[in-house]
Amino acid sequence: MIDVQVRAETGEILTYASHALDWMATLQHVDEEEFPFLGSLLPFADAMFNSRQAGRLRRELASQPIRELLGEGPAS
C-alpha cells in the first residue's frame, strides 16, 4: 500500500491518495538509474519530496514503463 499526502508549508493536508500495491511485484523492480525518485522509495519508510522533486516524481509515474509495471494504461 502506498499512501500519498500533499501538504502545505503549514503541515495542512491539501489532498491525499492511496494505492494498493504489491511492492515485490512492482516497485522493487524499478531501475534506479532511469527512475531515481521511484527507485529510492522503501516499502516500510516514509519519503518526503519538495515541490521540484514532486514534479519529477509525477513525470516518472506518468512514463509508459512505470504505468505498465503498475498495470495501468497510457497516461492521459
PDB file of N, CA and C in Angstrom:
ATOM      1  N   MET A   1       0.847  -1.184   0.000  1.00  0.00           N
ATOM      2  CA  MET A   1       0.000   0.000   0.000  1.00  0.00           C
ATOM      3  C   MET A   1       0.883   1.233   0.000  1.00  0.00           C
ATOM      4  N   ILE A   2       0.574   2.169  -0.858  1.00  0.00           N
ATOM      5  CA  ILE A   2       1.265   3.456  -0.858  1.00  0.00           C
ATOM      6  C   ILE A   2       0.227   4.525  -0.549  1.00  0.00           C
ATOM      7  N   ASP A   3       0.524   5.336   0.443  1.00  0.00           N
ATOM      8  CA  ASP A   3      -0.312   6.473   0.801  1.00  0.00           C
ATOM      9  C   ASP A   3       0.455   7.740   0.467  1.00  0.00           C
ATOM     10  N   VAL A   4      -0.227   8.699  -0.133  1.00  0.00           N
ATOM     11  CA  VAL A   4       0.394   9.957  -0.527  1.00  0.00           C
ATOM     12  C   VAL A   4      -0.387  11.094   0.094  1.00  0.00           C
ATOM     13  N   GLN A   5       0.339  12.058   0.648  1.00  0.00           N
ATOM     14  CA  GLN A   5      -0.274  13.271   1.172  1.00  0.00           C
ATOM     15  C   GLN A   5       0.443  14.463   0.565  1.00  0.00           C
ATOM     16  N   VAL A   6      -0.330  15.444   0.133  1.00  0.00           N
ATOM     17  CA  VAL A   6       0.236  16.709  -0.305  1.00  0.00           C
ATOM     18  C   VAL A   6      -0.083  17.709   0.801  1.00  0.00           C
ATOM     19  N   ARG A   7       0.984  18.331   1.322  1.00  0.00           N
ATOM     20  CA  ARG A   7       0.813  19.238   2.457  1.00  0.00           C
ATOM     21  C   ARG A   7       1.276  20.652   2.122  1.00  0.00           C
ATOM     22  N   ALA A   8       0.646  21.610   2.757  1.00  0.00           N
ATOM     23  CA  ALA A   8       1.088  22.998   2.675  1.00  0.00           C
ATOM     24  C   ALA A   8       2.292  23.170   3.597  1.00  0.00           C
ATOM     25  N   GLU A   9       2.975  24.286   3.492  1.00  0.00           N
ATOM     26  CA  GLU A   9       4.118  24.544   4.361  1.00  0.00           C
ATOM     27  C   GLU A   9       3.724  24.524   5.833  1.00  0.00           C
ATOM     28  N   THR A  10       2.463  24.777   6.111  1.00  0.00           N
ATOM     29  CA  THR A  10       1.970  24.769   7.488  1.00  0.00           C
ATOM     30  C   THR A  10       1.759  23.359   8.017  1.00  0.00           C
ATOM     31  N   GLY A  11       1.820  22.353   7.121  1.00  0.00           N
ATOM     32  CA  GLY A  11       1.560  20.977   7.521  1.00  0.00           C
ATOM     33  C   GLY A  11       0.136  20.528   7.234  1.00  0.00           C
ATOM     34  N   GLU A  12      -0.717  21.472   6.831  1.00  0.00           N
ATOM     35  CA  GLU A  12      -2.106  21.137   6.499  1.00  0.00           C
ATOM     36  C   GLU A  12      -2.133  20.185   5.301  1.00  0.00           C
ATOM     37  N   ILE A  13      -2.914  19.103   5.408  1.00  0.00           N
ATOM     38  CA  ILE A  13      -3.055  18.159   4.307  1.00  0.00           C
ATOM     39  C   ILE A  13      -3.997  18.760   3.273  1.00  0.00           C
ATOM     40  N   LEU A  14      -3.481  18.979   2.064  1.00  0.00           N
ATOM     41  CA  LEU A  14      -4.273  19.572   0.999  1.00  0.00           C
ATOM     42  C   LEU A  14      -5.033  18.517   0.207  1.00  0.00           C
ATOM     43  N   THR A  15      -4.406  17.377  -0.021  1.00  0.00           N
ATOM     44  CA  THR A  15      -5.037  16.261  -0.717  1.00  0.00           C
ATOM     45  C   THR A  15      -4.283  14.990  -0.367  1.00  0.00           C
ATOM     46  N   TYR A  16      -4.916  13.861  -0.591  1.00  0.00           N
ATOM     47  CA  TYR A  16      -4.264  12.593  -0.288  1.00  0.00           C
ATOM     48  C   TYR A  16      -4.812  11.508  -1.214  1.00  0.00           C
ATOM     49  N   ALA A  17      -4.055  10.433  -1.319  1.00  0.00           N
ATOM     50  CA  ALA A  17      -4.467   9.300  -2.142  1.00  0.00           C
ATOM     51  C   ALA A  17      -3.839   8.043  -1.578  1.00  0.00           C
ATOM     52  N   SER A  18      -4.370   6.911  -1.980  1.00  0.00           N
ATOM     53  CA  SER A  18      -3.863   5.629  -1.530  1.00  0.00           C
ATOM     54  C   SER A  18      -3.974   4.653  -2.700  1.00  0.00           C
ATOM     55  N   HIS A  19      -3.004   3.740  -2.803  1.00  0.00           N
ATOM     56  CA  HIS A  19      -3.000   2.775  -3.892  1.00  0.00           C
ATOM     57  C   HIS A  19      -2.520   1.442  -3.344  1.00  0.00           C
ATOM     58  N   ALA A  20      -3.329   0.402  -3.484  1.00  0.00           N
ATOM     59  CA  ALA A  20      -2.902  -0.941  -3.087  1.00  0.00           C
ATOM     60  C   ALA A  20      -1.830  -1.384  -4.064  1.00  0.00           C
ATOM     61  N   LEU A  21      -0.682  -1.763  -3.543  1.00  0.00           N
ATOM     62  CA  LEU A  21       0.463  -2.044  -4.396  1.00  0.00           C
ATOM     63  C   LEU A  21       1.251  -3.200  -3.814  1.00  0.00           C
ATOM     64  N   ASP A  22       1.525  -4.203  -4.625  1.00  0.00           N
ATOM     65  CA  ASP A  22       2.376  -5.311  -4.205  1.00  0.00           C
ATOM     66  C   ASP A  22       3.820  -4.906  -4.476  1.00  0.00           C
ATOM     67  N   TRP A  23       4.525  -4.517  -3.441  1.00  0.00           N
ATOM     68  CA  TRP A  23       5.879  -3.994  -3.574  1.00  0.00           C
ATOM     69  C   TRP A  23       6.795  -4.960  -4.321  1.00  0.00           C
ATOM     70  N   MET A  24       6.747  -6.232  -3.961  1.00  0.00           N
ATOM     71  CA  MET A  24       7.644  -7.222  -4.548  1.00  0.00           C
ATOM     72  C   MET A  24       7.393  -7.386  -6.044  1.00  0.00           C
ATOM     73  N   ALA A  25       6.170  -7.202  -6.476  1.00  0.00           N
ATOM     74  CA  ALA A  25       5.834  -7.387  -7.892  1.00  0.00           C
ATOM     75  C   ALA A  25       6.002  -6.108  -8.706  1.00  0.00           C
ATOM     76  N   THR A  26       6.191  -4.976  -8.039  1.00  0.00           N
ATOM     77  CA  THR A  26       6.209  -3.719  -8.790  1.00  0.00           C
ATOM     78  C   THR A  26       7.461  -2.889  -8.513  1.00  0.00           C
ATOM     79  N   LEU A  27       7.405  -2.046  -7.519  1.00  0.00           N
ATOM     80  CA  LEU A  27       8.452  -1.040  -7.331  1.00  0.00           C
ATOM     81  C   LEU A  27       9.819  -1.606  -6.995  1.00  0.00           C
ATOM     82  N   GLN A  28       9.891  -2.815  -6.491  1.00  0.00           N
ATOM     83  CA  GLN A  28      11.188  -3.410  -6.208  1.00  0.00           C
ATOM     84  C   GLN A  28      11.998  -3.553  -7.501  1.00  0.00           C
ATOM     85  N   HIS A  29      11.322  -3.643  -8.631  1.00  0.00           N
ATOM     86  CA  HIS A  29      11.974  -3.887  -9.911  1.00  0.00           C
ATOM     87  C   HIS A  29      12.234  -2.624 -10.728  1.00  0.00           C
ATOM     88  N   VAL A  30      12.002  -1.459 -10.147  1.00  0.00           N
ATOM     89  CA  VAL A  30      12.212  -0.204 -10.859  1.00  0.00           C
ATOM     90  C   VAL A  30      13.715   0.051 -11.009  1.00  0.00           C
ATOM     91  N   ASP A  31      14.119   0.439 -12.206  1.00  0.00           N
ATOM     92  CA  ASP A  31      15.514   0.780 -12.487  1.00  0.00           C
ATOM     93  C   ASP A  31      15.843   2.117 -11.815  1.00  0.00           C
ATOM     94  N   GLU A  32      16.691   2.079 -10.789  1.00  0.00           N
ATOM     95  CA  GLU A  32      17.009   3.288 -10.021  1.00  0.00           C
ATOM     96  C   GLU A  32      17.757   4.330 -10.847  1.00  0.00           C
ATOM     97  N   GLU A  33      18.460   3.910 -11.867  1.00  0.00           N
ATOM     98  CA  GLU A  33      19.174   4.859 -12.728  1.00  0.00           C
ATOM     99  C   GLU A  33      18.197   5.630 -13.615  1.00  0.00           C
ATOM    100  N   GLU A  34      17.208   4.932 -14.150  1.00  0.00           N
ATOM    101  CA  GLU A  34      16.235   5.564 -15.045  1.00  0.00           C
ATOM    102  C   GLU A  34      15.151   6.318 -14.281  1.00  0.00           C
ATOM    103  N   PHE A  35      14.777   5.812 -13.101  1.00  0.00           N
ATOM    104  CA  PHE A  35      13.697   6.404 -12.299  1.00  0.00           C
ATOM    105  C   PHE A  35      14.201   6.623 -10.872  1.00  0.00           C
ATOM    106  N   PRO A  36      15.034   7.643 -10.654  1.00  0.00           N
ATOM    107  CA  PRO A  36      15.676   7.826  -9.351  1.00  0.00           C
ATOM    108  C   PRO A  36      14.723   8.098  -8.184  1.00  0.00           C
ATOM    109  N   PHE A  37      13.607   8.751  -8.437  1.00  0.00           N
ATOM    110  CA  PHE A  37      12.690   9.057  -7.336  1.00  0.00           C
ATOM    111  C   PHE A  37      11.905   7.817  -6.912  1.00  0.00           C
ATOM    112  N   LEU A  38      11.333   7.109  -7.870  1.00  0.00           N
ATOM    113  CA  LEU A  38      10.625   5.864  -7.543  1.00  0.00           C
ATOM    114  C   LEU A  38      11.596   4.812  -7.025  1.00  0.00           C
ATOM    115  N   GLY A  39      12.781   4.757  -7.609  1.00  0.00           N
ATOM    116  CA  GLY A  39      13.767   3.771  -7.208  1.00  0.00           C
ATOM    117  C   GLY A  39      14.307   3.977  -5.811  1.00  0.00           C
ATOM    118  N   SER A  40      14.134   5.171  -5.253  1.00  0.00           N
ATOM    119  CA  SER A  40      14.641   5.450  -3.912  1.00  0.00           C
ATOM    120  C   SER A  40      13.622   5.160  -2.812  1.00  0.00           C
ATOM    121  N   LEU A  41      12.389   4.842  -3.197  1.00  0.00           N
ATOM    122  CA  LEU A  41      11.362   4.561  -2.185  1.00  0.00           C
ATOM    123  C   LEU A  41      11.619   3.218  -1.512  1.00  0.00           C
ATOM    124  N   LEU A  42      11.322   3.155  -0.225  1.00  0.00           N
ATOM    125  CA  LEU A  42      11.444   1.927   0.551  1.00  0.00           C
ATOM    126  C   LEU A  42      10.065   1.486   1.006  1.00  0.00           C
ATOM    127  N   PRO A  43       9.814   0.178   1.112  1.00  0.00           N
ATOM    128  CA  PRO A  43       8.461  -0.290   1.424  1.00  0.00           C
ATOM    129  C   PRO A  43       7.975   0.056   2.833  1.00  0.00           C
ATOM    130  N   PHE A  44       8.869   0.248   3.782  1.00  0.00           N
ATOM    131  CA  PHE A  44       8.430   0.487   5.160  1.00  0.00           C
ATOM    132  C   PHE A  44       8.993   1.776   5.719  1.00  0.00           C
ATOM    133  N   ALA A  45       9.183   2.767   4.863  1.00  0.00           N
ATOM    134  CA  ALA A  45       9.721   4.045   5.314  1.00  0.00           C
ATOM    135  C   ALA A  45       8.966   5.184   4.641  1.00  0.00           C
ATOM    136  N   ASP A  46       8.914   6.303   5.320  1.00  0.00           N
ATOM    137  CA  ASP A  46       8.287   7.489   4.752  1.00  0.00           C
ATOM    138  C   ASP A  46       9.278   8.199   3.837  1.00  0.00           C
ATOM    139  N   ALA A  47       8.755   8.909   2.870  1.00  0.00           N
ATOM    140  CA  ALA A  47       9.580   9.734   1.985  1.00  0.00           C
ATOM    141  C   ALA A  47       8.930  11.105   1.877  1.00  0.00           C
ATOM    142  N   MET A  48       9.762  12.131   1.729  1.00  0.00           N
ATOM    143  CA  MET A  48       9.256  13.487   1.582  1.00  0.00           C
ATOM    144  C   MET A  48       9.921  14.096   0.352  1.00  0.00           C
ATOM    145  N   PHE A  49       9.122  14.742  -0.489  1.00  0.00           N
ATOM    146  CA  PHE A  49       9.633  15.375  -1.698  1.00  0.00           C
ATOM    147  C   PHE A  49       9.246  16.846  -1.682  1.00  0.00           C
ATOM    148  N   ASN A  50      10.180  17.696  -2.079  1.00  0.00           N
ATOM    149  CA  ASN A  50       9.840  19.110  -2.211  1.00  0.00           C
ATOM    150  C   ASN A  50       9.079  19.306  -3.521  1.00  0.00           C
ATOM    151  N   SER A  51       8.644  20.517  -3.804  1.00  0.00           N
ATOM    152  CA  SER A  51       7.788  20.741  -4.979  1.00  0.00           C
ATOM    153  C   SER A  51       8.499  20.401  -6.286  1.00  0.00           C
ATOM    154  N   ARG A  52       9.774  20.679  -6.385  1.00  0.00           N
ATOM    155  CA  ARG A  52      10.509  20.345  -7.608  1.00  0.00           C
ATOM    156  C   ARG A  52      10.632  18.832  -7.775  1.00  0.00           C
ATOM    157  N   GLN A  53      10.949  18.143  -6.690  1.00  0.00           N
ATOM    158  CA  GLN A  53      11.066  16.689  -6.737  1.00  0.00           C
ATOM    159  C   GLN A  53       9.722  16.039  -7.028  1.00  0.00           C
ATOM    160  N   ALA A  54       8.657  16.594  -6.464  1.00  0.00           N
ATOM    161  CA  ALA A  54       7.323  16.024  -6.688  1.00  0.00           C
ATOM    162  C   ALA A  54       6.944  16.079  -8.160  1.00  0.00           C
ATOM    163  N   GLY A  55       7.315  17.152  -8.849  1.00  0.00           N
ATOM    164  CA  GLY A  55       7.062  17.245 -10.285  1.00  0.00           C
ATOM    165  C   GLY A  55       7.820  16.180 -11.056  1.00  0.00           C
ATOM    166  N   ARG A  56       9.044  15.940 -10.658  1.00  0.00           N
ATOM    167  CA  ARG A  56       9.846  14.903 -11.320  1.00  0.00           C
ATOM    168  C   ARG A  56       9.287  13.515 -11.024  1.00  0.00           C
ATOM    169  N   LEU A  57       8.851  13.302  -9.793  1.00  0.00           N
ATOM    170  CA  LEU A  57       8.230  12.022  -9.434  1.00  0.00           C
ATOM    171  C   LEU A  57       6.968  11.802 -10.258  1.00  0.00           C
ATOM    172  N   ARG A  58       6.188  12.857 -10.435  1.00  0.00           N
ATOM    173  CA  ARG A  58       4.968  12.756 -11.233  1.00  0.00           C
ATOM    174  C   ARG A  58       5.285  12.356 -12.674  1.00  0.00           C
ATOM    175  N   ARG A  59       6.362  12.912 -13.241  1.00  0.00           N
ATOM    176  CA  ARG A  59       6.766  12.532 -14.599  1.00  0.00           C
ATOM    177  C   ARG A  59       7.203  11.068 -14.654  1.00  0.00           C
ATOM    178  N   GLU A  60       7.892  10.600 -13.608  1.00  0.00           N
ATOM    179  CA  GLU A  60       8.273   9.190 -13.573  1.00  0.00           C
ATOM    180  C   GLU A  60       7.029   8.300 -13.546  1.00  0.00           C
ATOM    181  N   LEU A  61       6.050   8.674 -12.736  1.00  0.00           N
ATOM    182  CA  LEU A  61       4.818   7.889 -12.633  1.00  0.00           C
ATOM    183  C   LEU A  61       4.027   7.880 -13.937  1.00  0.00           C
ATOM    184  N   ALA A  62       4.167   8.938 -14.731  1.00  0.00           N
ATOM    185  CA  ALA A  62       3.437   9.034 -15.995  1.00  0.00           C
ATOM    186  C   ALA A  62       4.138   8.308 -17.134  1.00  0.00           C
ATOM    187  N   SER A  63       5.374   7.869 -16.925  1.00  0.00           N
ATOM    188  CA  SER A  63       6.106   7.205 -18.005  1.00  0.00           C
ATOM    189  C   SER A  63       5.480   5.847 -18.317  1.00  0.00           C
ATOM    190  N   GLN A  64       5.531   5.481 -19.578  1.00  0.00           N
ATOM    191  CA  GLN A  64       4.890   4.237 -20.016  1.00  0.00           C
ATOM    192  C   GLN A  64       5.453   2.993 -19.313  1.00  0.00           C
ATOM    193  N   PRO A  65       6.775   2.851 -19.150  1.00  0.00           N
ATOM    194  CA  PRO A  65       7.271   1.643 -18.472  1.00  0.00           C
ATOM    195  C   PRO A  65       6.740   1.495 -17.042  1.00  0.00           C
ATOM    196  N   ILE A  66       6.621   2.602 -16.330  1.00  0.00           N
ATOM    197  CA  ILE A  66       6.113   2.543 -14.948  1.00  0.00           C
ATOM    198  C   ILE A  66       4.628   2.254 -14.953  1.00  0.00           C
ATOM    199  N   ARG A  67       3.878   2.873 -15.839  1.00  0.00           N
ATOM    200  CA  ARG A  67       2.440   2.614 -15.908  1.00  0.00           C
ATOM    201  C   ARG A  67       2.171   1.148 -16.220  1.00  0.00           C
ATOM    202  N   GLU A  68       2.977   0.562 -17.107  1.00  0.00           N
ATOM    203  CA  GLU A  68       2.822  -0.861 -17.412  1.00  0.00           C
ATOM    204  C   GLU A  68       3.169  -1.719 -16.202  1.00  0.00           C
ATOM    205  N   LEU A  69       4.219  -1.357 -15.485  1.00  0.00           N
ATOM    206  CA  LEU A  69       4.617  -2.077 -14.284  1.00  0.00           C
ATOM    207  C   LEU A  69       3.500  -2.065 -13.241  1.00  0.00           C
ATOM    208  N   LEU A  70       2.802  -0.933 -13.147  1.00  0.00           N
ATOM    209  CA  LEU A  70       1.704  -0.779 -12.185  1.00  0.00           C
ATOM    210  C   LEU A  70       0.385  -1.340 -12.710  1.00  0.00           C
ATOM    211  N   GLY A  71       0.384  -1.814 -13.958  1.00  0.00           N
ATOM    212  CA  GLY A  71      -0.836  -2.387 -14.537  1.00  0.00           C
ATOM    213  C   GLY A  71      -1.846  -1.359 -14.960  1.00  0.00           C
ATOM    214  N   GLU A  72      -1.374  -0.191 -15.349  1.00  0.00           N
ATOM    215  CA  GLU A  72      -2.267   0.888 -15.784  1.00  0.00           C
ATOM    216  C   GLU A  72      -2.060   1.161 -17.265  1.00  0.00           C
ATOM    217  N   GLY A  73      -3.046   1.790 -17.869  1.00  0.00           N
ATOM    218  CA  GLY A  73      -2.963   2.124 -19.282  1.00  0.00           C
ATOM    219  C   GLY A  73      -2.124   3.360 -19.522  1.00  0.00           C
ATOM    220  N   PRO A  74      -2.114   3.861 -20.766  1.00  0.00           N
ATOM    221  CA  PRO A  74      -1.351   5.051 -21.104  1.00  0.00           C
ATOM    222  C   PRO A  74      -1.807   6.268 -20.307  1.00  0.00           C
ATOM    223  N   ALA A  75      -0.879   7.172 -20.031  1.00  0.00           N
ATOM    224  CA  ALA A  75      -1.217   8.408 -19.320  1.00  0.00           C
ATOM    225  C   ALA A  75      -2.092   9.271 -20.201  1.00  0.00           C
ATOM    226  N   SER A  76      -3.046   9.946 -19.581  1.00  0.00           N
ATOM    227  CA  SER A  76      -3.930  10.828 -20.356  1.00  0.00           C
ATOM    228  C   SER A  76      -3.505  12.269 -20.226  1.00  0.00           C
TER     229      SER A  76
END
